[in-house]
Amino acid sequence: MRMIRITIPSTIHQRQSVMSTDAILTRDRLSAGRMQLERWLGSTDDANDVIQTVGEKLVRSGTQPGRAYLFAMFRSAAVDAVRAETTRREYQVQYAEQADTVDYQTPERRLAGTQALEALQSAVAKLSSVNQEIFVRAYVDDQPRAEIAEALGLRLSTVEKRLAKAKRHCFTQIQAHLDRS
C-alpha cells in the first residue's frame, strides 16, 4: 500500500507536512473517497477541502479508521461543508438585501459619526501621556501589547491594565456625549 502526505497548517504563515507511520489514508481509499465526495459536492476543490479536513482530524487523533468509518467521516464532513456553504450564501443574500435598502451616507449619520469621533479625540486628549501612548499604539497602530510594554519599559500586565482603564474612560466619555446629543 502506498501512503499519502497530508499537510496540516500549523500557523497562518507556516505549513508543516505530516506523514503518519501507519497508513491513515491509503491511495485506494483516497481515490474512492475523492470520487464519492466529488459526486456529493459537485466540485473537485470542495472534495479536496473535505479530504484535507478529515485527514487533519485523523492525524490529530492518531486513529486508523476502517473503510466504512472513513466514508462516514467523509459524508459527515461533506454535510458540514454543504451546510456552511448554504449558510454563507444565505447571509450574503440577506446582506445584499440590507445593503440595497439602507443608505449609509445620510447627512445625519455623517454628523453623528463626526461628533462621535470628536468625542473620542477629546476623551483620548484627557488621558495621561503614557495612557495616550498605550491607547494609540494599541488601537490606532494595532501594535501587540507585548511590543508596547517592551517599547515603554512597562510590564505587560501594566500595559493591559492601563489600556483597559483608558478604554473605559473613552467609552464613558463617548456615552456621555451621545446622551447629551
C-alpha atoms as a PDB file:
ATOM      1  CA  MET A   1       0.000   0.000   0.000  1.00  0.00           C
ATOM      2  CA  ARG A   2       1.208   3.493  -0.804  1.00  0.00           C
ATOM      3  CA  MET A   3       0.774   6.297   1.699  1.00  0.00           C
ATOM      4  CA  ILE A   4      -0.334   9.860   1.026  1.00  0.00           C
ATOM      5  CA  ARG A   5       1.100  13.011   2.534  1.00  0.00           C
ATOM      6  CA  ILE A   6      -1.319  15.229   4.457  1.00  0.00           C
ATOM      7  CA  THR A   7      -0.441  18.878   5.047  1.00  0.00           C
ATOM      8  CA  ILE A   8      -1.668  20.484   8.243  1.00  0.00           C
ATOM      9  CA  PRO A   9      -1.465  24.251   8.752  1.00  0.00           C
ATOM     10  CA  SER A  10       0.416  24.928  11.981  1.00  0.00           C
ATOM     11  CA  THR A  11       0.198  28.722  11.699  1.00  0.00           C
ATOM     12  CA  ILE A  12      -1.050  31.195   9.150  1.00  0.00           C
ATOM     13  CA  HIS A  13       2.412  31.739   7.693  1.00  0.00           C
ATOM     14  CA  GLN A  14       3.874  28.284   8.118  1.00  0.00           C
ATOM     15  CA  ARG A  15       2.758  24.847   6.978  1.00  0.00           C
ATOM     16  CA  GLN A  16       4.240  21.594   8.119  1.00  0.00           C
ATOM     17  CA  SER A  17       3.956  18.280   6.377  1.00  0.00           C
ATOM     18  CA  VAL A  18       2.942  15.335   8.477  1.00  0.00           C
ATOM     19  CA  MET A  19       3.085  11.716   7.424  1.00  0.00           C
ATOM     20  CA  SER A  20       1.717   9.101   9.710  1.00  0.00           C
ATOM     21  CA  THR A  21       3.851   5.999  10.134  1.00  0.00           C
ATOM     22  CA  ASP A  22       0.739   3.879   9.728  1.00  0.00           C
ATOM     23  CA  ALA A  23      -1.432   4.045   6.640  1.00  0.00           C
ATOM     24  CA  ILE A  24      -4.135   6.569   7.527  1.00  0.00           C
ATOM     25  CA  LEU A  25      -5.338   7.270   4.031  1.00  0.00           C
ATOM     26  CA  THR A  26      -4.163   4.721   1.529  1.00  0.00           C
ATOM     27  CA  ARG A  27      -4.163   5.569  -2.157  1.00  0.00           C
ATOM     28  CA  ASP A  28      -7.184   3.329  -2.959  1.00  0.00           C
ATOM     29  CA  ARG A  29      -9.271   4.703  -0.088  1.00  0.00           C
ATOM     30  CA  LEU A  30      -8.329   8.241  -1.036  1.00  0.00           C
ATOM     31  CA  SER A  31      -9.265   7.908  -4.696  1.00  0.00           C
ATOM     32  CA  ALA A  32     -12.537   6.153  -3.863  1.00  0.00           C
ATOM     33  CA  GLY A  33     -13.329   8.792  -1.256  1.00  0.00           C
ATOM     34  CA  ARG A  34     -12.456  11.635  -3.635  1.00  0.00           C
ATOM     35  CA  MET A  35     -14.730  10.236  -6.354  1.00  0.00           C
ATOM     36  CA  GLN A  36     -17.624   9.850  -3.916  1.00  0.00           C
ATOM     37  CA  LEU A  37     -17.087  13.345  -2.497  1.00  0.00           C
ATOM     38  CA  GLU A  38     -16.954  14.846  -5.988  1.00  0.00           C
ATOM     39  CA  ARG A  39     -20.324  13.232  -6.725  1.00  0.00           C
ATOM     40  CA  TRP A  40     -21.794  14.526  -3.470  1.00  0.00           C
ATOM     41  CA  LEU A  41     -20.330  18.015  -3.622  1.00  0.00           C
ATOM     42  CA  GLY A  42     -20.058  18.536  -7.371  1.00  0.00           C
ATOM     43  CA  SER A  43     -16.577  20.059  -7.136  1.00  0.00           C
ATOM     44  CA  THR A  44     -13.048  18.697  -7.025  1.00  0.00           C
ATOM     45  CA  ASP A  45     -11.890  21.629  -4.894  1.00  0.00           C
ATOM     46  CA  ASP A  46     -14.644  21.085  -2.336  1.00  0.00           C
ATOM     47  CA  ALA A  47     -13.854  17.358  -2.282  1.00  0.00           C
ATOM     48  CA  ASN A  48     -10.172  18.116  -1.661  1.00  0.00           C
ATOM     49  CA  ASP A  49     -11.113  20.507   1.164  1.00  0.00           C
ATOM     50  CA  VAL A  50     -13.197  17.807   2.839  1.00  0.00           C
ATOM     51  CA  ILE A  51     -10.393  15.248   2.430  1.00  0.00           C
ATOM     52  CA  GLN A  52      -7.976  17.730   3.971  1.00  0.00           C
ATOM     53  CA  THR A  53     -10.310  18.323   6.926  1.00  0.00           C
ATOM     54  CA  VAL A  54     -10.817  14.608   7.532  1.00  0.00           C
ATOM     55  CA  GLY A  55      -7.098  13.941   7.133  1.00  0.00           C
ATOM     56  CA  GLU A  56      -6.255  16.583   9.725  1.00  0.00           C
ATOM     57  CA  LYS A  57      -8.697  15.042  12.195  1.00  0.00           C
ATOM     58  CA  LEU A  58      -7.242  11.590  11.612  1.00  0.00           C
ATOM     59  CA  VAL A  59      -3.648  12.740  12.039  1.00  0.00           C
ATOM     60  CA  ARG A  60      -4.504  14.614  15.222  1.00  0.00           C
ATOM     61  CA  SER A  61      -6.375  11.658  16.683  1.00  0.00           C
ATOM     62  CA  GLY A  62      -3.834   9.094  15.524  1.00  0.00           C
ATOM     63  CA  THR A  63      -6.571   6.596  14.667  1.00  0.00           C
ATOM     64  CA  GLN A  64      -6.713   4.210  11.738  1.00  0.00           C
ATOM     65  CA  PRO A  65     -10.323   4.024  10.677  1.00  0.00           C
ATOM     66  CA  GLY A  66     -11.754   1.245   8.618  1.00  0.00           C
ATOM     67  CA  ARG A  67     -13.184   1.953   5.186  1.00  0.00           C
ATOM     68  CA  ALA A  68     -16.789   2.287   6.417  1.00  0.00           C
ATOM     69  CA  TYR A  69     -15.824   4.640   9.235  1.00  0.00           C
ATOM     70  CA  LEU A  70     -13.650   6.689   6.893  1.00  0.00           C
ATOM     71  CA  PHE A  71     -16.525   7.095   4.430  1.00  0.00           C
ATOM     72  CA  ALA A  72     -18.840   8.043   7.314  1.00  0.00           C
ATOM     73  CA  MET A  73     -16.320  10.749   8.253  1.00  0.00           C
ATOM     74  CA  PHE A  74     -16.229  11.918   4.623  1.00  0.00           C
ATOM     75  CA  ARG A  75     -20.023  12.029   4.489  1.00  0.00           C
ATOM     76  CA  SER A  76     -20.264  13.945   7.779  1.00  0.00           C
ATOM     77  CA  ALA A  77     -17.615  16.455   6.686  1.00  0.00           C
ATOM     78  CA  ALA A  78     -19.351  16.848   3.304  1.00  0.00           C
ATOM     79  CA  VAL A  79     -22.674  17.570   5.018  1.00  0.00           C
ATOM     80  CA  ASP A  80     -20.927  20.147   7.232  1.00  0.00           C
ATOM     81  CA  ALA A  81     -19.345  21.762   4.164  1.00  0.00           C
ATOM     82  CA  VAL A  82     -22.690  21.958   2.346  1.00  0.00           C
ATOM     83  CA  ARG A  83     -24.387  23.434   5.412  1.00  0.00           C
ATOM     84  CA  ALA A  84     -21.629  26.006   5.854  1.00  0.00           C
ATOM     85  CA  GLU A  85     -21.855  26.994   2.180  1.00  0.00           C
ATOM     86  CA  THR A  86     -25.653  27.258   2.384  1.00  0.00           C
ATOM     87  CA  THR A  87     -25.422  29.442   5.490  1.00  0.00           C
ATOM     88  CA  ARG A  88     -22.769  31.633   3.854  1.00  0.00           C
ATOM     89  CA  ARG A  89     -24.955  32.129   0.783  1.00  0.00           C
ATOM     90  CA  GLU A  90     -27.996  32.954   2.923  1.00  0.00           C
ATOM     91  CA  TYR A  91     -26.009  35.594   4.802  1.00  0.00           C
ATOM     92  CA  GLN A  92     -24.739  37.024   1.530  1.00  0.00           C
ATOM     93  CA  VAL A  93     -28.297  37.324   0.212  1.00  0.00           C
ATOM     94  CA  GLN A  94     -29.510  38.930   3.446  1.00  0.00           C
ATOM     95  CA  TYR A  95     -26.577  41.323   3.494  1.00  0.00           C
ATOM     96  CA  ALA A  96     -27.100  42.251  -0.164  1.00  0.00           C
ATOM     97  CA  GLU A  97     -30.790  42.946   0.507  1.00  0.00           C
ATOM     98  CA  GLN A  98     -29.935  45.105   3.513  1.00  0.00           C
ATOM     99  CA  ALA A  99     -27.206  46.942   1.654  1.00  0.00           C
ATOM    100  CA  ASP A 100     -29.667  47.813  -1.111  1.00  0.00           C
ATOM    101  CA  THR A 101     -32.271  49.210   1.279  1.00  0.00           C
ATOM    102  CA  VAL A 102     -30.082  51.124   3.751  1.00  0.00           C
ATOM    103  CA  ASP A 103     -28.456  54.424   2.849  1.00  0.00           C
ATOM    104  CA  TYR A 104     -25.331  54.572   4.961  1.00  0.00           C
ATOM    105  CA  GLN A 105     -24.273  58.016   3.810  1.00  0.00           C
ATOM    106  CA  THR A 106     -27.105  60.135   5.176  1.00  0.00           C
ATOM    107  CA  PRO A 107     -26.181  63.583   6.497  1.00  0.00           C
ATOM    108  CA  GLU A 108     -27.429  62.578   9.945  1.00  0.00           C
ATOM    109  CA  ARG A 109     -25.141  59.552  10.050  1.00  0.00           C
ATOM    110  CA  ARG A 110     -22.170  61.612   8.887  1.00  0.00           C
ATOM    111  CA  LEU A 111     -22.821  64.211  11.568  1.00  0.00           C
ATOM    112  CA  ALA A 112     -23.239  61.557  14.271  1.00  0.00           C
ATOM    113  CA  GLY A 113     -20.022  59.853  13.152  1.00  0.00           C
ATOM    114  CA  THR A 114     -18.117  63.132  13.144  1.00  0.00           C
ATOM    115  CA  GLN A 115     -19.418  64.013  16.605  1.00  0.00           C
ATOM    116  CA  ALA A 116     -18.540  60.579  17.977  1.00  0.00           C
ATOM    117  CA  LEU A 117     -15.024  60.899  16.521  1.00  0.00           C
ATOM    118  CA  GLU A 118     -14.636  64.338  18.109  1.00  0.00           C
ATOM    119  CA  ALA A 119     -15.821  62.882  21.438  1.00  0.00           C
ATOM    120  CA  LEU A 120     -13.229  60.112  21.135  1.00  0.00           C
ATOM    121  CA  GLN A 121     -10.465  62.593  20.339  1.00  0.00           C
ATOM    122  CA  SER A 122     -11.496  64.672  23.336  1.00  0.00           C
ATOM    123  CA  ALA A 123     -11.535  61.599  25.587  1.00  0.00           C
ATOM    124  CA  VAL A 124      -8.082  60.496  24.413  1.00  0.00           C
ATOM    125  CA  ALA A 125      -6.750  64.018  24.961  1.00  0.00           C
ATOM    126  CA  LYS A 126      -7.887  63.818  28.615  1.00  0.00           C
ATOM    127  CA  LEU A 127      -5.789  60.672  29.218  1.00  0.00           C
ATOM    128  CA  SER A 128      -2.316  60.871  30.750  1.00  0.00           C
ATOM    129  CA  SER A 129       0.522  60.934  28.231  1.00  0.00           C
ATOM    130  CA  VAL A 130       1.514  57.324  28.971  1.00  0.00           C
ATOM    131  CA  ASN A 131      -2.076  56.087  28.676  1.00  0.00           C
ATOM    132  CA  GLN A 132      -2.479  58.072  25.453  1.00  0.00           C
ATOM    133  CA  GLU A 133       0.625  56.428  24.058  1.00  0.00           C
ATOM    134  CA  ILE A 134      -0.596  52.959  25.035  1.00  0.00           C
ATOM    135  CA  PHE A 135      -4.093  53.612  23.632  1.00  0.00           C
ATOM    136  CA  VAL A 136      -2.813  54.956  20.299  1.00  0.00           C
ATOM    137  CA  ARG A 137      -0.263  52.183  19.855  1.00  0.00           C
ATOM    138  CA  ALA A 138      -2.851  49.503  20.651  1.00  0.00           C
ATOM    139  CA  TYR A 139      -5.916  50.765  18.787  1.00  0.00           C
ATOM    140  CA  VAL A 140      -4.581  53.070  16.084  1.00  0.00           C
ATOM    141  CA  ASP A 141      -1.253  51.430  15.229  1.00  0.00           C
ATOM    142  CA  ASP A 142      -2.555  47.918  16.078  1.00  0.00           C
ATOM    143  CA  GLN A 143       0.683  47.126  17.871  1.00  0.00           C
ATOM    144  CA  PRO A 144       0.773  43.957  20.012  1.00  0.00           C
ATOM    145  CA  ARG A 145       0.557  44.527  23.761  1.00  0.00           C
ATOM    146  CA  ALA A 146       3.912  42.848  24.385  1.00  0.00           C
ATOM    147  CA  GLU A 147       5.663  45.220  21.970  1.00  0.00           C
ATOM    148  CA  ILE A 148       4.026  48.223  23.639  1.00  0.00           C
ATOM    149  CA  ALA A 149       5.210  47.018  27.035  1.00  0.00           C
ATOM    150  CA  GLU A 150       8.742  46.488  25.774  1.00  0.00           C
ATOM    151  CA  ALA A 151       8.895  49.866  23.994  1.00  0.00           C
ATOM    152  CA  LEU A 152       7.630  51.780  27.030  1.00  0.00           C
ATOM    153  CA  GLY A 153       9.594  49.755  29.592  1.00  0.00           C
ATOM    154  CA  LEU A 154       6.459  48.539  31.360  1.00  0.00           C
ATOM    155  CA  ARG A 155       5.245  45.117  32.389  1.00  0.00           C
ATOM    156  CA  LEU A 156       2.671  43.514  30.117  1.00  0.00           C
ATOM    157  CA  SER A 157       0.098  43.399  32.925  1.00  0.00           C
ATOM    158  CA  THR A 158       0.591  47.139  33.494  1.00  0.00           C
ATOM    159  CA  VAL A 159       0.003  47.876  29.818  1.00  0.00           C
ATOM    160  CA  GLU A 160      -3.151  45.758  29.809  1.00  0.00           C
ATOM    161  CA  LYS A 161      -4.481  47.445  32.979  1.00  0.00           C
ATOM    162  CA  ARG A 162      -3.778  50.933  31.647  1.00  0.00           C
ATOM    163  CA  LEU A 163      -5.328  50.038  28.301  1.00  0.00           C
ATOM    164  CA  ALA A 164      -8.470  48.736  29.994  1.00  0.00           C
ATOM    165  CA  LYS A 165      -8.669  51.901  32.085  1.00  0.00           C
ATOM    166  CA  ALA A 166      -8.208  54.118  29.016  1.00  0.00           C
ATOM    167  CA  LYS A 167     -10.833  52.151  27.123  1.00  0.00           C
ATOM    168  CA  ARG A 168     -13.338  52.515  29.970  1.00  0.00           C
ATOM    169  CA  HIS A 169     -12.613  56.238  30.169  1.00  0.00           C
ATOM    170  CA  CYS A 170     -13.137  56.720  26.420  1.00  0.00           C
ATOM    171  CA  PHE A 171     -16.305  54.655  26.455  1.00  0.00           C
ATOM    172  CA  THR A 172     -17.847  56.653  29.295  1.00  0.00           C
ATOM    173  CA  GLN A 173     -16.880  59.940  27.618  1.00  0.00           C
ATOM    174  CA  ILE A 174     -18.427  58.899  24.305  1.00  0.00           C
ATOM    175  CA  GLN A 175     -21.520  57.550  26.065  1.00  0.00           C
ATOM    176  CA  ALA A 176     -21.923  60.838  27.937  1.00  0.00           C
ATOM    177  CA  HIS A 177     -21.558  62.723  24.648  1.00  0.00           C
ATOM    178  CA  LEU A 178     -24.190  60.539  22.986  1.00  0.00           C
ATOM    179  CA  ASP A 179     -26.545  61.006  25.941  1.00  0.00           C
ATOM    180  CA  ARG A 180     -26.217  64.785  25.612  1.00  0.00           C
ATOM    181  CA  SER A 181     -26.927  64.632  21.864  1.00  0.00           C
END
